[in-house]
Amino acid sequence: MTADSDSQRHNSSDPCPNPGDHAAGGSSTYSETGRGQSEARRRATPVTSLDAPRRTNIIDKVRAMLAKAASTTHEPEREAFEAKAQALITRYQIAANELQQADSEIIERRIDIRTWGDATRGVIYLYGGIAELNRSSAAHRSIGEHSQVILFGTDVDLDLTETVARHLLPQLRTHMLLDRPNSRMSYAIGWTHEVLSRLIAAQQATMAEYGAIVPTNTAADEAMLNAYKLKSDSQTTMVDSVEYEFGASAACRADIGRTKLAAG
């Protein structure tokens, strides 16, 4: 990496600088525990109630979109239906049990993380953060030479989690190929942290606009803890702060789906 390249990483024209969010110089740590952000979201304004006929109509519309998404074999069409459904779920704070009626069973879904090499930890963090934003929980484990993310939640919420992840992960790979960071792990963690911060901010803005809170699913958390007996204490990962900031800066260019997921 040349001196010119390093200077570009700290250019003051960074599209979304956020002083204080990232450590400067030497090395820093990234916490795997993000529950504090969840608690902040849960303390938002109570849900604005709708009259019963209107809410029933909206829920029926969401069910129809999810049914169409499940029935199509055309990937762009499926993603479009799921994205529109997510927008309505977020806007009107529709709970999973309202969508599934009598069937709100918590399921487990496993996703193999391959071909990411040193960036794998950033990918794992990304799945975990997106799962939490969609009322789900996530754990991970190593299997031989690759890792596996285990998601817990309702079928609808896990579909939404995977839709957002599929939208974001190709962008992470593209940014790494273009930027060629010295530390792919630190870069990927910085990229993921910035993207999740933007997603959380977008969700909080939507909650404030519609006077709502983010519904949670404690059953998903319980299922994860019971299945894996996870320790509650936080773990940290040492990262190179220069590469972390490099990744965070690149994440400011990422399309987080605001246009696709905007309520309308």
C-alpha atoms as a PDB file:
ATOM      1  CA  MET A   1       0.000   0.000   0.000  1.00  0.00           C
ATOM      2  CA  THR A   2       1.515   3.334  -1.014  1.00  0.00           C
ATOM      3  CA  ALA A   3       1.671   6.506   1.052  1.00  0.00           C
ATOM      4  CA  ASP A   4      -0.745   8.122  -1.423  1.00  0.00           C
ATOM      5  CA  SER A   5      -3.225   5.296  -0.874  1.00  0.00           C
ATOM      6  CA  ASP A   6      -3.004   5.705   2.889  1.00  0.00           C
ATOM      7  CA  SER A   7      -3.629   9.434   2.653  1.00  0.00           C
ATOM      8  CA  GLN A   8      -6.746   8.824   0.568  1.00  0.00           C
ATOM      9  CA  ARG A   9      -8.167   6.699   3.353  1.00  0.00           C
ATOM     10  CA  HIS A  10      -8.277   9.707   5.684  1.00  0.00           C
ATOM     11  CA  ASN A  11      -9.550  12.235   3.164  1.00  0.00           C
ATOM     12  CA  SER A  12     -11.802  14.793   4.847  1.00  0.00           C
ATOM     13  CA  SER A  13     -14.349  14.300   2.054  1.00  0.00           C
ATOM     14  CA  ASP A  14     -15.402  10.987   3.625  1.00  0.00           C
ATOM     15  CA  PRO A  15     -19.149  10.901   2.744  1.00  0.00           C
ATOM     16  CA  CYS A  16     -20.294   9.934   6.216  1.00  0.00           C
ATOM     17  CA  PRO A  17     -17.688  10.697   8.896  1.00  0.00           C
ATOM     18  CA  ASN A  18     -18.898   9.969  12.401  1.00  0.00           C
ATOM     19  CA  PRO A  19     -16.346  11.188  14.956  1.00  0.00           C
ATOM     20  CA  GLY A  20     -16.086   9.086  18.064  1.00  0.00           C
ATOM     21  CA  ASP A  21     -17.537   5.931  16.558  1.00  0.00           C
ATOM     22  CA  HIS A  22     -14.176   4.413  15.577  1.00  0.00           C
ATOM     23  CA  ALA A  23     -10.862   4.210  17.396  1.00  0.00           C
ATOM     24  CA  ALA A  24      -7.872   6.054  15.967  1.00  0.00           C
ATOM     25  CA  GLY A  25      -4.283   4.842  15.683  1.00  0.00           C
ATOM     26  CA  GLY A  26      -2.595   1.503  16.382  1.00  0.00           C
ATOM     27  CA  SER A  27      -5.188  -1.161  17.032  1.00  0.00           C
ATOM     28  CA  SER A  28      -8.689  -1.151  18.430  1.00  0.00           C
ATOM     29  CA  THR A  29     -11.326  -3.616  19.533  1.00  0.00           C
ATOM     30  CA  TYR A  30     -14.747  -4.402  18.112  1.00  0.00           C
ATOM     31  CA  SER A  31     -17.312  -5.809  20.503  1.00  0.00           C
ATOM     32  CA  GLU A  32     -19.460  -8.738  19.426  1.00  0.00           C
ATOM     33  CA  THR A  33     -22.213  -7.680  21.835  1.00  0.00           C
ATOM     34  CA  GLY A  34     -24.666  -5.131  20.403  1.00  0.00           C
ATOM     35  CA  ARG A  35     -27.511  -5.356  22.867  1.00  0.00           C
ATOM     36  CA  GLY A  36     -27.075  -1.759  23.994  1.00  0.00           C
ATOM     37  CA  GLN A  37     -28.287  -0.579  20.598  1.00  0.00           C
ATOM     38  CA  SER A  38     -31.287  -2.870  20.898  1.00  0.00           C
ATOM     39  CA  GLU A  39     -32.225  -1.405  24.266  1.00  0.00           C
ATOM     40  CA  ALA A  40     -32.075   2.110  22.857  1.00  0.00           C
ATOM     41  CA  ARG A  41     -34.430   1.159  20.064  1.00  0.00           C
ATOM     42  CA  ARG A  42     -36.839  -0.513  22.485  1.00  0.00           C
ATOM     43  CA  ARG A  43     -37.199   2.684  24.501  1.00  0.00           C
ATOM     44  CA  ALA A  44     -38.735   4.572  21.573  1.00  0.00           C
ATOM     45  CA  THR A  45     -42.274   6.005  21.469  1.00  0.00           C
ATOM     46  CA  PRO A  46     -45.171   3.489  21.812  1.00  0.00           C
ATOM     47  CA  VAL A  47     -46.779   2.128  18.649  1.00  0.00           C
ATOM     48  CA  THR A  48     -49.380   4.346  16.987  1.00  0.00           C
ATOM     49  CA  SER A  49     -52.561   2.278  16.798  1.00  0.00           C
ATOM     50  CA  LEU A  50     -54.599   1.888  13.628  1.00  0.00           C
ATOM     51  CA  ASP A  51     -58.274   1.099  13.376  1.00  0.00           C
ATOM     52  CA  ALA A  52     -58.891  -2.644  13.098  1.00  0.00           C
ATOM     53  CA  PRO A  53     -60.160  -2.751   9.481  1.00  0.00           C
ATOM     54  CA  ARG A  54     -57.185  -0.729   8.221  1.00  0.00           C
ATOM     55  CA  ARG A  55     -54.643  -2.853  10.110  1.00  0.00           C
ATOM     56  CA  THR A  56     -56.264  -6.078   8.906  1.00  0.00           C
ATOM     57  CA  ASN A  57     -56.059  -4.819   5.340  1.00  0.00           C
ATOM     58  CA  ILE A  58     -52.366  -3.995   5.692  1.00  0.00           C
ATOM     59  CA  ILE A  59     -51.589  -7.380   7.271  1.00  0.00           C
ATOM     60  CA  ASP A  60     -53.447  -9.146   4.455  1.00  0.00           C
ATOM     61  CA  LYS A  61     -51.407  -7.160   1.954  1.00  0.00           C
ATOM     62  CA  VAL A  62     -48.147  -8.217   3.618  1.00  0.00           C
ATOM     63  CA  ARG A  63     -49.242 -11.869   3.684  1.00  0.00           C
ATOM     64  CA  ALA A  64     -50.060 -11.670  -0.021  1.00  0.00           C
ATOM     65  CA  MET A  65     -46.663 -10.174  -0.856  1.00  0.00           C
ATOM     66  CA  LEU A  66     -44.841 -12.853   1.129  1.00  0.00           C
ATOM     67  CA  ALA A  67     -46.923 -15.555  -0.551  1.00  0.00           C
ATOM     68  CA  LYS A  68     -46.016 -14.172  -3.976  1.00  0.00           C
ATOM     69  CA  ALA A  69     -42.361 -14.031  -2.948  1.00  0.00           C
ATOM     70  CA  ALA A  70     -42.484 -17.679  -1.906  1.00  0.00           C
ATOM     71  CA  SER A  71     -44.191 -18.792  -5.113  1.00  0.00           C
ATOM     72  CA  THR A  72     -42.002 -17.078  -7.723  1.00  0.00           C
ATOM     73  CA  THR A  73     -38.832 -18.591  -9.166  1.00  0.00           C
ATOM     74  CA  HIS A  74     -37.655 -15.225 -10.517  1.00  0.00           C
ATOM     75  CA  GLU A  75     -35.081 -13.898  -8.041  1.00  0.00           C
ATOM     76  CA  PRO A  76     -35.508 -10.125  -8.672  1.00  0.00           C
ATOM     77  CA  GLU A  77     -39.280 -10.472  -8.386  1.00  0.00           C
ATOM     78  CA  ARG A  78     -38.980 -12.407  -5.132  1.00  0.00           C
ATOM     79  CA  GLU A  79     -36.631  -9.810  -3.646  1.00  0.00           C
ATOM     80  CA  ALA A  80     -38.979  -6.997  -4.702  1.00  0.00           C
ATOM     81  CA  PHE A  81     -41.972  -8.627  -2.965  1.00  0.00           C
ATOM     82  CA  GLU A  82     -39.964  -9.320   0.201  1.00  0.00           C
ATOM     83  CA  ALA A  83     -38.574  -5.772   0.253  1.00  0.00           C
ATOM     84  CA  LYS A  84     -42.053  -4.250  -0.053  1.00  0.00           C
ATOM     85  CA  ALA A  85     -43.340  -6.542   2.694  1.00  0.00           C
ATOM     86  CA  GLN A  86     -40.452  -5.479   4.941  1.00  0.00           C
ATOM     87  CA  ALA A  87     -41.289  -1.816   4.354  1.00  0.00           C
ATOM     88  CA  LEU A  88     -44.877  -2.338   5.523  1.00  0.00           C
ATOM     89  CA  ILE A  89     -43.805  -4.483   8.494  1.00  0.00           C
ATOM     90  CA  THR A  90     -41.443  -1.728   9.604  1.00  0.00           C
ATOM     91  CA  ARG A  91     -43.862   1.120   8.965  1.00  0.00           C
ATOM     92  CA  TYR A  92     -46.802  -0.425  10.806  1.00  0.00           C
ATOM     93  CA  GLN A  93     -44.828  -2.566  13.289  1.00  0.00           C
ATOM     94  CA  ILE A  94     -46.514  -5.805  12.352  1.00  0.00           C
ATOM     95  CA  ALA A  95     -45.525  -8.666  14.650  1.00  0.00           C
ATOM     96  CA  ALA A  96     -44.616 -12.089  13.324  1.00  0.00           C
ATOM     97  CA  ASN A  97     -47.575 -13.762  15.034  1.00  0.00           C
ATOM     98  CA  GLU A  98     -49.955 -11.391  13.202  1.00  0.00           C
ATOM     99  CA  LEU A  99     -48.574 -12.566   9.891  1.00  0.00           C
ATOM    100  CA  GLN A 100     -48.450 -16.242  10.692  1.00  0.00           C
ATOM    101  CA  GLN A 101     -51.609 -16.315  12.772  1.00  0.00           C
ATOM    102  CA  ALA A 102     -51.549 -19.600  14.696  1.00  0.00           C
ATOM    103  CA  ASP A 103     -48.151 -20.607  13.325  1.00  0.00           C
ATOM    104  CA  SER A 104     -45.358 -18.485  14.799  1.00  0.00           C
ATOM    105  CA  GLU A 105     -42.901 -21.290  15.468  1.00  0.00           C
ATOM    106  CA  ILE A 106     -39.261 -20.378  16.006  1.00  0.00           C
ATOM    107  CA  ILE A 107     -37.106 -22.239  13.516  1.00  0.00           C
ATOM    108  CA  GLU A 108     -33.365 -22.665  13.051  1.00  0.00           C
ATOM    109  CA  ARG A 109     -31.673 -21.927   9.756  1.00  0.00           C
ATOM    110  CA  ARG A 110     -27.986 -22.588   8.951  1.00  0.00           C
ATOM    111  CA  ILE A 111     -25.908 -20.662   6.441  1.00  0.00           C
ATOM    112  CA  ASP A 112     -22.419 -21.782   5.419  1.00  0.00           C
ATOM    113  CA  ILE A 113     -19.888 -18.959   5.128  1.00  0.00           C
ATOM    114  CA  ARG A 114     -17.333 -19.950   2.500  1.00  0.00           C
ATOM    115  CA  THR A 115     -14.869 -18.158   0.206  1.00  0.00           C
ATOM    116  CA  TRP A 116     -14.536 -15.116   2.487  1.00  0.00           C
ATOM    117  CA  GLY A 117     -11.170 -16.037   4.000  1.00  0.00           C
ATOM    118  CA  ASP A 118      -9.929 -13.452   6.498  1.00  0.00           C
ATOM    119  CA  ALA A 119     -13.102 -11.385   6.000  1.00  0.00           C
ATOM    120  CA  THR A 120     -15.293 -14.143   7.447  1.00  0.00           C
ATOM    121  CA  ARG A 121     -15.666 -12.508  10.863  1.00  0.00           C
ATOM    122  CA  GLY A 122     -17.066  -9.356   9.269  1.00  0.00           C
ATOM    123  CA  VAL A 123     -19.614 -11.451   7.369  1.00  0.00           C
ATOM    124  CA  ILE A 124     -20.637 -13.203  10.588  1.00  0.00           C
ATOM    125  CA  TYR A 125     -21.111  -9.844  12.327  1.00  0.00           C
ATOM    126  CA  LEU A 126     -23.209  -8.624   9.405  1.00  0.00           C
ATOM    127  CA  TYR A 127     -25.596 -11.580   9.603  1.00  0.00           C
ATOM    128  CA  GLY A 128     -25.895 -11.116  13.373  1.00  0.00           C
ATOM    129  CA  GLY A 129     -26.709  -7.422  13.091  1.00  0.00           C
ATOM    130  CA  ILE A 130     -29.246  -7.879  10.301  1.00  0.00           C
ATOM    131  CA  ALA A 131     -30.908 -10.727  12.217  1.00  0.00           C
ATOM    132  CA  GLU A 132     -31.355  -8.499  15.264  1.00  0.00           C
ATOM    133  CA  LEU A 133     -32.891  -5.758  13.123  1.00  0.00           C
ATOM    134  CA  ASN A 134     -35.403  -8.342  11.884  1.00  0.00           C
ATOM    135  CA  ARG A 135     -36.472  -9.681  15.291  1.00  0.00           C
ATOM    136  CA  SER A 136     -34.193 -12.725  15.075  1.00  0.00           C
ATOM    137  CA  SER A 137     -31.033 -14.021  16.770  1.00  0.00           C
ATOM    138  CA  ALA A 138     -27.802 -15.472  15.431  1.00  0.00           C
ATOM    139  CA  ALA A 139     -24.938 -17.667  16.588  1.00  0.00           C
ATOM    140  CA  HIS A 140     -21.958 -19.039  14.693  1.00  0.00           C
ATOM    141  CA  ARG A 141     -19.556 -21.969  14.801  1.00  0.00           C
ATOM    142  CA  SER A 142     -16.535 -23.233  12.909  1.00  0.00           C
ATOM    143  CA  ILE A 143     -16.838 -26.374  10.797  1.00  0.00           C
ATOM    144  CA  GLY A 144     -13.510 -27.545   9.463  1.00  0.00           C
ATOM    145  CA  GLU A 145     -12.164 -24.819   7.187  1.00  0.00           C
ATOM    146  CA  HIS A 146     -15.356 -22.759   7.022  1.00  0.00           C
ATOM    147  CA  SER A 147     -17.818 -21.116   9.390  1.00  0.00           C
ATOM    148  CA  GLN A 148     -21.555 -21.415   9.770  1.00  0.00           C
ATOM    149  CA  VAL A 149     -24.109 -18.850  10.903  1.00  0.00           C
ATOM    150  CA  ILE A 150     -27.132 -20.250  12.734  1.00  0.00           C
ATOM    151  CA  LEU A 151     -30.211 -18.016  12.626  1.00  0.00           C
ATOM    152  CA  PHE A 152     -33.188 -18.304  14.991  1.00  0.00           C
ATOM    153  CA  GLY A 153     -36.555 -16.692  14.279  1.00  0.00           C
ATOM    154  CA  THR A 154     -39.818 -17.115  12.460  1.00  0.00           C
ATOM    155  CA  ASP A 155     -39.771 -18.187   8.829  1.00  0.00           C
ATOM    156  CA  VAL A 156     -40.853 -14.708   7.691  1.00  0.00           C
ATOM    157  CA  ASP A 157     -38.204 -12.881   9.729  1.00  0.00           C
ATOM    158  CA  LEU A 158     -35.409 -15.197   8.588  1.00  0.00           C
ATOM    159  CA  ASP A 159     -36.435 -14.721   4.949  1.00  0.00           C
ATOM    160  CA  LEU A 160     -36.171 -10.961   5.458  1.00  0.00           C
ATOM    161  CA  THR A 161     -32.781 -11.333   7.165  1.00  0.00           C
ATOM    162  CA  GLU A 162     -31.402 -13.332   4.254  1.00  0.00           C
ATOM    163  CA  THR A 163     -32.839 -10.885   1.711  1.00  0.00           C
ATOM    164  CA  VAL A 164     -30.977  -7.946   3.268  1.00  0.00           C
ATOM    165  CA  ALA A 165     -27.769  -9.988   3.619  1.00  0.00           C
ATOM    166  CA  ARG A 166     -27.918 -11.033  -0.055  1.00  0.00           C
ATOM    167  CA  HIS A 167     -28.290  -7.375  -0.985  1.00  0.00           C
ATOM    168  CA  LEU A 168     -25.270  -6.246   1.064  1.00  0.00           C
ATOM    169  CA  LEU A 169     -22.680  -9.032   0.813  1.00  0.00           C
ATOM    170  CA  PRO A 170     -21.904  -8.602  -2.922  1.00  0.00           C
ATOM    171  CA  GLN A 171     -21.166  -4.935  -2.170  1.00  0.00           C
ATOM    172  CA  LEU A 172     -18.693  -5.873   0.564  1.00  0.00           C
ATOM    173  CA  ARG A 173     -16.901  -8.236  -1.806  1.00  0.00           C
ATOM    174  CA  THR A 174     -16.806  -5.606  -4.560  1.00  0.00           C
ATOM    175  CA  HIS A 175     -15.395  -2.953  -2.216  1.00  0.00           C
ATOM    176  CA  MET A 176     -12.666  -5.333  -1.025  1.00  0.00           C
ATOM    177  CA  LEU A 177     -11.694  -6.192  -4.592  1.00  0.00           C
ATOM    178  CA  LEU A 178     -11.497  -2.515  -5.533  1.00  0.00           C
ATOM    179  CA  ASP A 179      -9.722  -1.292  -2.387  1.00  0.00           C
ATOM    180  CA  ARG A 180      -7.408  -4.298  -1.815  1.00  0.00           C
ATOM    181  CA  PRO A 181      -7.005  -3.737   1.950  1.00  0.00           C
ATOM    182  CA  ASN A 182      -3.926  -4.999   3.773  1.00  0.00           C
ATOM    183  CA  SER A 183      -6.133  -6.526   6.487  1.00  0.00           C
ATOM    184  CA  ARG A 184      -9.318  -7.988   5.044  1.00  0.00           C
ATOM    185  CA  MET A 185     -10.574  -8.850   8.536  1.00  0.00           C
ATOM    186  CA  SER A 186     -10.246  -5.309   9.891  1.00  0.00           C
ATOM    187  CA  TYR A 187     -11.617  -3.815   6.678  1.00  0.00           C
ATOM    188  CA  ALA A 188     -14.660  -6.143   6.676  1.00  0.00           C
ATOM    189  CA  ILE A 189     -15.399  -5.452  10.351  1.00  0.00           C
ATOM    190  CA  GLY A 190     -15.186  -1.690   9.790  1.00  0.00           C
ATOM    191  CA  TRP A 191     -17.409  -1.978   6.705  1.00  0.00           C
ATOM    192  CA  THR A 192     -19.960  -4.070   8.582  1.00  0.00           C
ATOM    193  CA  HIS A 193     -20.017  -1.787  11.605  1.00  0.00           C
ATOM    194  CA  GLU A 194     -20.675   1.278   9.441  1.00  0.00           C
ATOM    195  CA  VAL A 195     -23.387  -0.436   7.385  1.00  0.00           C
ATOM    196  CA  LEU A 196     -25.161  -1.677  10.521  1.00  0.00           C
ATOM    197  CA  SER A 197     -24.939   1.808  12.034  1.00  0.00           C
ATOM    198  CA  ARG A 198     -26.625   3.199   8.927  1.00  0.00           C
ATOM    199  CA  LEU A 199     -29.312   0.516   8.992  1.00  0.00           C
ATOM    200  CA  ILE A 200     -30.018   1.185  12.679  1.00  0.00           C
ATOM    201  CA  ALA A 201     -30.197   4.936  12.051  1.00  0.00           C
ATOM    202  CA  ALA A 202     -32.599   4.391   9.152  1.00  0.00           C
ATOM    203  CA  GLN A 203     -34.786   2.152  11.299  1.00  0.00           C
ATOM    204  CA  GLN A 204     -34.784   4.637  14.169  1.00  0.00           C
ATOM    205  CA  ALA A 205     -35.758   7.437  11.774  1.00  0.00           C
ATOM    206  CA  THR A 206     -38.676   5.359  10.531  1.00  0.00           C
ATOM    207  CA  MET A 207     -39.743   4.574  14.089  1.00  0.00           C
ATOM    208  CA  ALA A 208     -39.645   8.278  14.996  1.00  0.00           C
ATOM    209  CA  GLU A 209     -41.616   9.236  11.894  1.00  0.00           C
ATOM    210  CA  TYR A 210     -44.424   6.778  12.605  1.00  0.00           C
ATOM    211  CA  GLY A 211     -44.234   6.876  16.405  1.00  0.00           C
ATOM    212  CA  ALA A 212     -43.452   3.189  16.720  1.00  0.00           C
ATOM    213  CA  ILE A 213     -41.086   0.790  18.442  1.00  0.00           C
ATOM    214  CA  VAL A 214     -39.212  -2.153  16.970  1.00  0.00           C
ATOM    215  CA  PRO A 215     -40.991  -5.378  17.936  1.00  0.00           C
ATOM    216  CA  THR A 216     -38.728  -7.988  19.472  1.00  0.00           C
ATOM    217  CA  ASN A 217     -38.935 -11.748  19.590  1.00  0.00           C
ATOM    218  CA  THR A 218     -37.611 -13.029  22.930  1.00  0.00           C
ATOM    219  CA  ALA A 219     -38.456 -16.579  21.879  1.00  0.00           C
ATOM    220  CA  ALA A 220     -35.743 -16.363  19.201  1.00  0.00           C
ATOM    221  CA  ASP A 221     -33.174 -15.296  21.809  1.00  0.00           C
ATOM    222  CA  GLU A 222     -34.239 -18.100  24.148  1.00  0.00           C
ATOM    223  CA  ALA A 223     -34.051 -20.697  21.379  1.00  0.00           C
ATOM    224  CA  MET A 224     -30.493 -19.630  20.527  1.00  0.00           C
ATOM    225  CA  LEU A 225     -29.360 -19.673  24.160  1.00  0.00           C
ATOM    226  CA  ASN A 226     -30.972 -23.038  24.854  1.00  0.00           C
ATOM    227  CA  ALA A 227     -29.503 -24.609  21.730  1.00  0.00           C
ATOM    228  CA  TYR A 228     -25.937 -23.424  22.195  1.00  0.00           C
ATOM    229  CA  LYS A 229     -25.635 -22.510  25.899  1.00  0.00           C
ATOM    230  CA  LEU A 230     -23.791 -19.370  24.891  1.00  0.00           C
ATOM    231  CA  LYS A 231     -21.850 -17.333  27.410  1.00  0.00           C
ATOM    232  CA  SER A 232     -23.267 -13.885  28.079  1.00  0.00           C
ATOM    233  CA  ASP A 233     -19.907 -12.133  28.455  1.00  0.00           C
ATOM    234  CA  SER A 234     -18.679 -10.054  25.529  1.00  0.00           C
ATOM    235  CA  GLN A 235     -15.769 -11.104  23.343  1.00  0.00           C
ATOM    236  CA  THR A 236     -13.489  -8.713  21.491  1.00  0.00           C
ATOM    237  CA  THR A 237     -11.453  -8.932  18.322  1.00  0.00           C
ATOM    238  CA  MET A 238      -8.269  -6.952  17.759  1.00  0.00           C
ATOM    239  CA  VAL A 239      -8.355  -4.978  14.529  1.00  0.00           C
ATOM    240  CA  ASP A 240      -6.025  -2.625  12.693  1.00  0.00           C
ATOM    241  CA  SER A 241      -7.686   0.778  13.075  1.00  0.00           C
ATOM    242  CA  VAL A 242      -6.378   2.130   9.744  1.00  0.00           C
ATOM    243  CA  GLU A 243      -7.892  -0.778   7.823  1.00  0.00           C
ATOM    244  CA  TYR A 244     -11.038  -0.589   9.974  1.00  0.00           C
ATOM    245  CA  GLU A 245     -11.505   3.075   9.012  1.00  0.00           C
ATOM    246  CA  PHE A 246     -10.750   2.205   5.380  1.00  0.00           C
ATOM    247  CA  GLY A 247     -13.601  -0.305   5.409  1.00  0.00           C
ATOM    248  CA  ALA A 248     -15.935   2.064   7.276  1.00  0.00           C
ATOM    249  CA  SER A 249     -15.276   4.773   4.683  1.00  0.00           C
ATOM    250  CA  ALA A 250     -16.077   2.337   1.862  1.00  0.00           C
ATOM    251  CA  ALA A 251     -19.321   1.377   3.612  1.00  0.00           C
ATOM    252  CA  CYS A 252     -20.513   4.972   3.252  1.00  0.00           C
ATOM    253  CA  ARG A 253     -20.832   4.204  -0.469  1.00  0.00           C
ATOM    254  CA  ALA A 254     -22.877   1.054   0.132  1.00  0.00           C
ATOM    255  CA  ASP A 255     -26.500   0.923  -0.961  1.00  0.00           C
ATOM    256  CA  ILE A 256     -28.311  -0.202   2.186  1.00  0.00           C
ATOM    257  CA  GLY A 257     -31.616  -0.507   0.380  1.00  0.00           C
ATOM    258  CA  ARG A 258     -33.392   2.659   1.492  1.00  0.00           C
ATOM    259  CA  THR A 259     -34.928   3.097  -1.941  1.00  0.00           C
ATOM    260  CA  LYS A 260     -35.976  -0.549  -2.230  1.00  0.00           C
ATOM    261  CA  LEU A 261     -37.321  -0.725   1.313  1.00  0.00           C
ATOM    262  CA  ALA A 262     -38.937   2.720   1.499  1.00  0.00           C
ATOM    263  CA  ALA A 263     -42.560   2.643   2.568  1.00  0.00           C
ATOM    264  CA  GLY A 264     -44.967   3.792  -0.036  1.00  0.00           C
END
